[in-house]
Amino acid sequence: MDERVALTTEWDEWAAERDGGRHLLHLARLLRGGDGYVQRFGQAGYDMMLGDCRRHVYGMIGKLTRRAYVLSRPCPARS
């Protein structure tokens, strides 16, 4: 590993300003009305939507730390 880069919340903040924080709103609706979503999209679809909304909200409040790792492959040995 050559470098570890901490990804901050600027992109999420920008998106929330543009769409009014829809991930938080969707998360609240999914948690409150889960049965209707399961009937419409199935359990797997509901779980996927719920996980995606939680990922965005948890990232914004600092519950998740996002990182990118820069990796390089060693140069092949030269004879």
PDB file of N, CA and C in Angstrom:
ATOM      1  N   MET A   1       0.854  -1.169   0.000  1.00  0.00           N
ATOM      2  CA  MET A   1       0.000   0.000   0.000  1.00  0.00           C
ATOM      3  C   MET A   1       0.904   1.237   0.000  1.00  0.00           C
ATOM      4  N   ASP A   2       0.665   2.095  -0.961  1.00  0.00           N
ATOM      5  CA  ASP A   2       1.471   3.298  -1.079  1.00  0.00           C
ATOM      6  C   ASP A   2       0.888   4.483  -0.308  1.00  0.00           C
ATOM      7  N   GLU A   3      -0.425   4.530  -0.236  1.00  0.00           N
ATOM      8  CA  GLU A   3      -1.045   5.687   0.393  1.00  0.00           C
ATOM      9  C   GLU A   3      -2.470   5.354   0.808  1.00  0.00           C
ATOM     10  N   ARG A   4      -2.907   5.955   1.908  1.00  0.00           N
ATOM     11  CA  ARG A   4      -4.297   5.845   2.345  1.00  0.00           C
ATOM     12  C   ARG A   4      -4.872   7.261   2.345  1.00  0.00           C
ATOM     13  N   VAL A   5      -5.976   7.439   1.634  1.00  0.00           N
ATOM     14  CA  VAL A   5      -6.582   8.755   1.487  1.00  0.00           C
ATOM     15  C   VAL A   5      -7.928   8.744   2.201  1.00  0.00           C
ATOM     16  N   ALA A   6      -8.109   9.654   3.145  1.00  0.00           N
ATOM     17  CA  ALA A   6      -9.400   9.788   3.829  1.00  0.00           C
ATOM     18  C   ALA A   6     -10.331  10.587   2.932  1.00  0.00           C
ATOM     19  N   LEU A   7     -11.490  10.017   2.655  1.00  0.00           N
ATOM     20  CA  LEU A   7     -12.486  10.698   1.834  1.00  0.00           C
ATOM     21  C   LEU A   7     -13.444  11.426   2.771  1.00  0.00           C
ATOM     22  N   THR A   8     -13.578  12.709   2.562  1.00  0.00           N
ATOM     23  CA  THR A   8     -14.423  13.511   3.440  1.00  0.00           C
ATOM     24  C   THR A   8     -15.849  13.578   2.891  1.00  0.00           C
ATOM     25  N   THR A   9     -16.674  14.344   3.538  1.00  0.00           N
ATOM     26  CA  THR A   9     -18.102  14.351   3.218  1.00  0.00           C
ATOM     27  C   THR A   9     -18.519  15.427   2.223  1.00  0.00           C
ATOM     28  N   GLU A  10     -17.579  16.107   1.581  1.00  0.00           N
ATOM     29  CA  GLU A  10     -17.943  17.212   0.697  1.00  0.00           C
ATOM     30  C   GLU A  10     -18.922  16.810  -0.401  1.00  0.00           C
ATOM     31  N   TRP A  11     -18.705  15.661  -1.021  1.00  0.00           N
ATOM     32  CA  TRP A  11     -19.608  15.232  -2.095  1.00  0.00           C
ATOM     33  C   TRP A  11     -21.009  14.982  -1.559  1.00  0.00           C
ATOM     34  N   ASP A  12     -21.095  14.347  -0.409  1.00  0.00           N
ATOM     35  CA  ASP A  12     -22.412  14.092   0.193  1.00  0.00           C
ATOM     36  C   ASP A  12     -23.086  15.393   0.600  1.00  0.00           C
ATOM     37  N   GLU A  13     -22.308  16.330   1.132  1.00  0.00           N
ATOM     38  CA  GLU A  13     -22.879  17.624   1.515  1.00  0.00           C
ATOM     39  C   GLU A  13     -23.432  18.345   0.284  1.00  0.00           C
ATOM     40  N   TRP A  14     -22.678  18.346  -0.786  1.00  0.00           N
ATOM     41  CA  TRP A  14     -23.109  18.994  -2.029  1.00  0.00           C
ATOM     42  C   TRP A  14     -24.401  18.354  -2.536  1.00  0.00           C
ATOM     43  N   ALA A  15     -24.442  17.019  -2.538  1.00  0.00           N
ATOM     44  CA  ALA A  15     -25.634  16.316  -3.017  1.00  0.00           C
ATOM     45  C   ALA A  15     -26.837  16.610  -2.116  1.00  0.00           C
ATOM     46  N   ALA A  16     -26.625  16.653  -0.807  1.00  0.00           N
ATOM     47  CA  ALA A  16     -27.721  16.923   0.127  1.00  0.00           C
ATOM     48  C   ALA A  16     -28.280  18.327  -0.070  1.00  0.00           C
ATOM     49  N   GLU A  17     -27.406  19.276  -0.372  1.00  0.00           N
ATOM     50  CA  GLU A  17     -27.871  20.635  -0.625  1.00  0.00           C
ATOM     51  C   GLU A  17     -28.716  20.702  -1.896  1.00  0.00           C
ATOM     52  N   ARG A  18     -28.378  19.897  -2.874  1.00  0.00           N
ATOM     53  CA  ARG A  18     -29.097  19.916  -4.154  1.00  0.00           C
ATOM     54  C   ARG A  18     -30.422  19.149  -4.085  1.00  0.00           C
ATOM     55  N   ASP A  19     -30.445  18.019  -3.361  1.00  0.00           N
ATOM     56  CA  ASP A  19     -31.667  17.208  -3.360  1.00  0.00           C
ATOM     57  C   ASP A  19     -32.424  17.247  -2.035  1.00  0.00           C
ATOM     58  N   GLY A  20     -32.000  18.102  -1.133  1.00  0.00           N
ATOM     59  CA  GLY A  20     -32.725  18.256   0.128  1.00  0.00           C
ATOM     60  C   GLY A  20     -32.494  17.136   1.120  1.00  0.00           C
ATOM     61  N   GLY A  21     -31.399  16.405   1.004  1.00  0.00           N
ATOM     62  CA  GLY A  21     -31.105  15.337   1.951  1.00  0.00           C
ATOM     63  C   GLY A  21     -32.028  14.153   1.819  1.00  0.00           C
ATOM     64  N   ARG A  22     -32.268  13.724   0.593  1.00  0.00           N
ATOM     65  CA  ARG A  22     -33.255  12.672   0.348  1.00  0.00           C
ATOM     66  C   ARG A  22     -32.912  11.348   1.007  1.00  0.00           C
ATOM     67  N   HIS A  23     -31.626  11.058   1.254  1.00  0.00           N
ATOM     68  CA  HIS A  23     -31.267   9.773   1.871  1.00  0.00           C
ATOM     69  C   HIS A  23     -31.827   9.673   3.292  1.00  0.00           C
ATOM     70  N   LEU A  24     -31.770  10.751   4.040  1.00  0.00           N
ATOM     71  CA  LEU A  24     -32.337  10.746   5.388  1.00  0.00           C
ATOM     72  C   LEU A  24     -33.852  10.584   5.334  1.00  0.00           C
ATOM     73  N   LEU A  25     -34.480  11.294   4.420  1.00  0.00           N
ATOM     74  CA  LEU A  25     -35.927  11.190   4.249  1.00  0.00           C
ATOM     75  C   LEU A  25     -36.325   9.770   3.827  1.00  0.00           C
ATOM     76  N   HIS A  26     -35.617   9.202   2.867  1.00  0.00           N
ATOM     77  CA  HIS A  26     -35.919   7.841   2.420  1.00  0.00           C
ATOM     78  C   HIS A  26     -35.690   6.836   3.538  1.00  0.00           C
ATOM     79  N   LEU A  27     -34.622   7.011   4.313  1.00  0.00           N
ATOM     80  CA  LEU A  27     -34.348   6.100   5.421  1.00  0.00           C
ATOM     81  C   LEU A  27     -35.502   6.119   6.417  1.00  0.00           C
ATOM     82  N   ALA A  28     -35.978   7.303   6.768  1.00  0.00           N
ATOM     83  CA  ALA A  28     -37.095   7.406   7.712  1.00  0.00           C
ATOM     84  C   ALA A  28     -38.345   6.711   7.165  1.00  0.00           C
ATOM     85  N   ARG A  29     -38.614   6.913   5.883  1.00  0.00           N
ATOM     86  CA  ARG A  29     -39.803   6.288   5.277  1.00  0.00           C
ATOM     87  C   ARG A  29     -39.663   4.770   5.177  1.00  0.00           C
ATOM     88  N   LEU A  30     -38.463   4.306   4.858  1.00  0.00           N
ATOM     89  CA  LEU A  30     -38.240   2.859   4.792  1.00  0.00           C
ATOM     90  C   LEU A  30     -38.425   2.209   6.156  1.00  0.00           C
ATOM     91  N   LEU A  31     -37.908   2.849   7.187  1.00  0.00           N
ATOM     92  CA  LEU A  31     -38.027   2.289   8.530  1.00  0.00           C
ATOM     93  C   LEU A  31     -39.471   2.311   9.024  1.00  0.00           C
ATOM     94  N   ARG A  32     -40.210   3.350   8.687  1.00  0.00           N
ATOM     95  CA  ARG A  32     -41.593   3.480   9.142  1.00  0.00           C
ATOM     96  C   ARG A  32     -42.546   2.592   8.343  1.00  0.00           C
ATOM     97  N   GLY A  33     -42.329   2.494   7.030  1.00  0.00           N
ATOM     98  CA  GLY A  33     -43.273   1.764   6.191  1.00  0.00           C
ATOM     99  C   GLY A  33     -42.647   0.584   5.476  1.00  0.00           C
ATOM    100  N   GLY A  34     -41.825  -0.137   6.166  1.00  0.00           N
ATOM    101  CA  GLY A  34     -41.082  -1.232   5.561  1.00  0.00           C
ATOM    102  C   GLY A  34     -41.938  -2.305   4.909  1.00  0.00           C
ATOM    103  N   ASP A  35     -43.080  -2.618   5.500  1.00  0.00           N
ATOM    104  CA  ASP A  35     -43.924  -3.691   4.952  1.00  0.00           C
ATOM    105  C   ASP A  35     -44.377  -3.380   3.530  1.00  0.00           C
ATOM    106  N   GLY A  36     -44.750  -2.140   3.289  1.00  0.00           N
ATOM    107  CA  GLY A  36     -45.180  -1.755   1.946  1.00  0.00           C
ATOM    108  C   GLY A  36     -44.063  -1.860   0.925  1.00  0.00           C
ATOM    109  N   TYR A  37     -42.850  -1.496   1.331  1.00  0.00           N
ATOM    110  CA  TYR A  37     -41.705  -1.606   0.430  1.00  0.00           C
ATOM    111  C   TYR A  37     -41.367  -3.068   0.151  1.00  0.00           C
ATOM    112  N   VAL A  38     -41.470  -3.914   1.173  1.00  0.00           N
ATOM    113  CA  VAL A  38     -41.183  -5.337   0.977  1.00  0.00           C
ATOM    114  C   VAL A  38     -42.200  -5.943   0.014  1.00  0.00           C
ATOM    115  N   GLN A  39     -43.474  -5.584   0.141  1.00  0.00           N
ATOM    116  CA  GLN A  39     -44.495  -6.103  -0.766  1.00  0.00           C
ATOM    117  C   GLN A  39     -44.234  -5.647  -2.203  1.00  0.00           C
ATOM    118  N   ARG A  40     -43.791  -4.420  -2.362  1.00  0.00           N
ATOM    119  CA  ARG A  40     -43.594  -3.874  -3.714  1.00  0.00           C
ATOM    120  C   ARG A  40     -42.297  -4.335  -4.364  1.00  0.00           C
ATOM    121  N   PHE A  41     -41.195  -4.355  -3.585  1.00  0.00           N
ATOM    122  CA  PHE A  41     -39.872  -4.624  -4.151  1.00  0.00           C
ATOM    123  C   PHE A  41     -39.253  -5.942  -3.690  1.00  0.00           C
ATOM    124  N   GLY A  42     -39.870  -6.633  -2.739  1.00  0.00           N
ATOM    125  CA  GLY A  42     -39.306  -7.857  -2.188  1.00  0.00           C
ATOM    126  C   GLY A  42     -38.340  -7.534  -1.062  1.00  0.00           C
ATOM    127  N   GLN A  43     -38.024  -8.543  -0.256  1.00  0.00           N
ATOM    128  CA  GLN A  43     -37.149  -8.343   0.901  1.00  0.00           C
ATOM    129  C   GLN A  43     -35.750  -7.904   0.478  1.00  0.00           C
ATOM    130  N   ALA A  44     -35.219  -8.530  -0.573  1.00  0.00           N
ATOM    131  CA  ALA A  44     -33.865  -8.176  -1.021  1.00  0.00           C
ATOM    132  C   ALA A  44     -33.807  -6.725  -1.508  1.00  0.00           C
ATOM    133  N   GLY A  45     -34.817  -6.279  -2.225  1.00  0.00           N
ATOM    134  CA  GLY A  45     -34.865  -4.898  -2.692  1.00  0.00           C
ATOM    135  C   GLY A  45     -34.968  -3.910  -1.534  1.00  0.00           C
ATOM    136  N   TYR A  46     -35.799  -4.246  -0.572  1.00  0.00           N
ATOM    137  CA  TYR A  46     -35.941  -3.404   0.617  1.00  0.00           C
ATOM    138  C   TYR A  46     -34.618  -3.312   1.367  1.00  0.00           C
ATOM    139  N   ASP A  47     -33.985  -4.463   1.591  1.00  0.00           N
ATOM    140  CA  ASP A  47     -32.713  -4.475   2.319  1.00  0.00           C
ATOM    141  C   ASP A  47     -31.648  -3.657   1.602  1.00  0.00           C
ATOM    142  N   MET A  48     -31.627  -3.733   0.278  1.00  0.00           N
ATOM    143  CA  MET A  48     -30.651  -2.979  -0.499  1.00  0.00           C
ATOM    144  C   MET A  48     -30.912  -1.473  -0.380  1.00  0.00           C
ATOM    145  N   MET A  49     -32.166  -1.046  -0.500  1.00  0.00           N
ATOM    146  CA  MET A  49     -32.492   0.375  -0.364  1.00  0.00           C
ATOM    147  C   MET A  49     -32.178   0.877   1.041  1.00  0.00           C
ATOM    148  N   LEU A  50     -32.508   0.078   2.035  1.00  0.00           N
ATOM    149  CA  LEU A  50     -32.253   0.449   3.419  1.00  0.00           C
ATOM    150  C   LEU A  50     -30.747   0.593   3.665  1.00  0.00           C
ATOM    151  N   GLY A  51     -29.972  -0.356   3.186  1.00  0.00           N
ATOM    152  CA  GLY A  51     -28.522  -0.303   3.360  1.00  0.00           C
ATOM    153  C   GLY A  51     -27.900   0.892   2.657  1.00  0.00           C
ATOM    154  N   ASP A  52     -28.373   1.201   1.454  1.00  0.00           N
ATOM    155  CA  ASP A  52     -27.834   2.346   0.724  1.00  0.00           C
ATOM    156  C   ASP A  52     -28.129   3.647   1.451  1.00  0.00           C
ATOM    157  N   CYS A  53     -29.345   3.813   1.930  1.00  0.00           N
ATOM    158  CA  CYS A  53     -29.689   5.036   2.662  1.00  0.00           C
ATOM    159  C   CYS A  53     -28.893   5.138   3.955  1.00  0.00           C
ATOM    160  N   ARG A  54     -28.754   4.043   4.668  1.00  0.00           N
ATOM    161  CA  ARG A  54     -27.959   4.063   5.908  1.00  0.00           C
ATOM    162  C   ARG A  54     -26.510   4.415   5.623  1.00  0.00           C
ATOM    163  N   ARG A  55     -25.949   3.885   4.549  1.00  0.00           N
ATOM    164  CA  ARG A  55     -24.553   4.169   4.201  1.00  0.00           C
ATOM    165  C   ARG A  55     -24.345   5.668   4.008  1.00  0.00           C
ATOM    166  N   HIS A  56     -25.245   6.310   3.302  1.00  0.00           N
ATOM    167  CA  HIS A  56     -25.108   7.751   3.074  1.00  0.00           C
ATOM    168  C   HIS A  56     -25.268   8.546   4.371  1.00  0.00           C
ATOM    169  N   VAL A  57     -26.289   8.218   5.148  1.00  0.00           N
ATOM    170  CA  VAL A  57     -26.542   8.951   6.390  1.00  0.00           C
ATOM    171  C   VAL A  57     -25.419   8.706   7.386  1.00  0.00           C
ATOM    172  N   TYR A  58     -24.987   7.462   7.557  1.00  0.00           N
ATOM    173  CA  TYR A  58     -23.916   7.154   8.502  1.00  0.00           C
ATOM    174  C   TYR A  58     -22.609   7.839   8.090  1.00  0.00           C
ATOM    175  N   GLY A  59     -22.345   7.927   6.800  1.00  0.00           N
ATOM    176  CA  GLY A  59     -21.152   8.625   6.341  1.00  0.00           C
ATOM    177  C   GLY A  59     -21.193  10.102   6.685  1.00  0.00           C
ATOM    178  N   MET A  60     -22.357  10.708   6.538  1.00  0.00           N
ATOM    179  CA  MET A  60     -22.500  12.140   6.832  1.00  0.00           C
ATOM    180  C   MET A  60     -22.329  12.447   8.317  1.00  0.00           C
ATOM    181  N   ILE A  61     -22.780  11.557   9.185  1.00  0.00           N
ATOM    182  CA  ILE A  61     -22.689  11.844  10.620  1.00  0.00           C
ATOM    183  C   ILE A  61     -21.397  11.303  11.233  1.00  0.00           C
ATOM    184  N   GLY A  62     -20.526  10.747  10.410  1.00  0.00           N
ATOM    185  CA  GLY A  62     -19.230  10.292  10.897  1.00  0.00           C
ATOM    186  C   GLY A  62     -19.216   8.901  11.493  1.00  0.00           C
ATOM    187  N   LYS A  63     -20.291   8.149  11.295  1.00  0.00           N
ATOM    188  CA  LYS A  63     -20.357   6.783  11.828  1.00  0.00           C
ATOM    189  C   LYS A  63     -19.548   5.819  10.957  1.00  0.00           C
ATOM    190  N   LEU A  64     -19.347   6.170   9.698  1.00  0.00           N
ATOM    191  CA  LEU A  64     -18.510   5.403   8.786  1.00  0.00           C
ATOM    192  C   LEU A  64     -17.343   6.274   8.343  1.00  0.00           C
ATOM    193  N   THR A  65     -16.192   5.677   8.215  1.00  0.00           N
ATOM    194  CA  THR A  65     -15.033   6.383   7.693  1.00  0.00           C
ATOM    195  C   THR A  65     -14.745   5.848   6.312  1.00  0.00           C
ATOM    196  N   ARG A  66     -14.713   6.745   5.352  1.00  0.00           N
ATOM    197  CA  ARG A  66     -14.451   6.332   3.973  1.00  0.00           C
ATOM    198  C   ARG A  66     -12.977   6.543   3.671  1.00  0.00           C
ATOM    199  N   ARG A  67     -12.399   5.553   3.027  1.00  0.00           N
ATOM    200  CA  ARG A  67     -10.987   5.621   2.665  1.00  0.00           C
ATOM    201  C   ARG A  67     -10.782   5.041   1.278  1.00  0.00           C
ATOM    202  N   ALA A  68      -9.753   5.525   0.642  1.00  0.00           N
ATOM    203  CA  ALA A  68      -9.298   4.939  -0.626  1.00  0.00           C
ATOM    204  C   ALA A  68      -7.852   4.542  -0.419  1.00  0.00           C
ATOM    205  N   TYR A  69      -7.479   3.410  -0.930  1.00  0.00           N
ATOM    206  CA  TYR A  69      -6.116   2.921  -0.796  1.00  0.00           C
ATOM    207  C   TYR A  69      -5.439   2.931  -2.159  1.00  0.00           C
ATOM    208  N   VAL A  70      -4.258   3.504  -2.193  1.00  0.00           N
ATOM    209  CA  VAL A  70      -3.470   3.539  -3.416  1.00  0.00           C
ATOM    210  C   VAL A  70      -2.485   2.385  -3.342  1.00  0.00           C
ATOM    211  N   LEU A  71      -2.611   1.482  -4.284  1.00  0.00           N
ATOM    212  CA  LEU A  71      -1.765   0.292  -4.307  1.00  0.00           C
ATOM    213  C   LEU A  71      -0.920   0.294  -5.571  1.00  0.00           C
ATOM    214  N   SER A  72       0.239  -0.263  -5.473  1.00  0.00           N
ATOM    215  CA  SER A  72       1.056  -0.426  -6.683  1.00  0.00           C
ATOM    216  C   SER A  72       1.649  -1.817  -6.668  1.00  0.00           C
ATOM    217  N   ARG A  73       1.935  -2.276  -7.831  1.00  0.00           N
ATOM    218  CA  ARG A  73       2.515  -3.588  -8.007  1.00  0.00           C
ATOM    219  C   ARG A  73       4.025  -3.395  -8.128  1.00  0.00           C
ATOM    220  N   PRO A  74       4.800  -4.247  -7.491  1.00  0.00           N
ATOM    221  CA  PRO A  74       6.255  -4.100  -7.648  1.00  0.00           C
ATOM    222  C   PRO A  74       6.658  -4.311  -9.098  1.00  0.00           C
ATOM    223  N   CYS A  75       7.677  -3.597  -9.508  1.00  0.00           N
ATOM    224  CA  CYS A  75       8.195  -3.759 -10.865  1.00  0.00           C
ATOM    225  C   CYS A  75       8.768  -5.160 -11.015  1.00  0.00           C
ATOM    226  N   PRO A  76       8.575  -5.761 -12.171  1.00  0.00           N
ATOM    227  CA  PRO A  76       9.140  -7.098 -12.361  1.00  0.00           C
ATOM    228  C   PRO A  76      10.673  -7.036 -12.316  1.00  0.00           C
ATOM    229  N   ALA A  77      11.248  -8.101 -11.810  1.00  0.00           N
ATOM    230  CA  ALA A  77      12.724  -8.163 -11.710  1.00  0.00           C
ATOM    231  C   ALA A  77      13.330  -8.181 -13.110  1.00  0.00           C
ATOM    232  N   ARG A  78      14.361  -7.407 -13.260  1.00  0.00           N
ATOM    233  CA  ARG A  78      15.053  -7.365 -14.552  1.00  0.00           C
ATOM    234  C   ARG A  78      16.308  -8.211 -14.485  1.00  0.00           C
ATOM    235  N   SER A  79      16.547  -8.962 -15.526  1.00  0.00           N
ATOM    236  CA  SER A  79      17.751  -9.792 -15.521  1.00  0.00           C
ATOM    237  C   SER A  79      18.863  -9.145 -16.307  1.00  0.00           C
TER     238      SER A  79
END
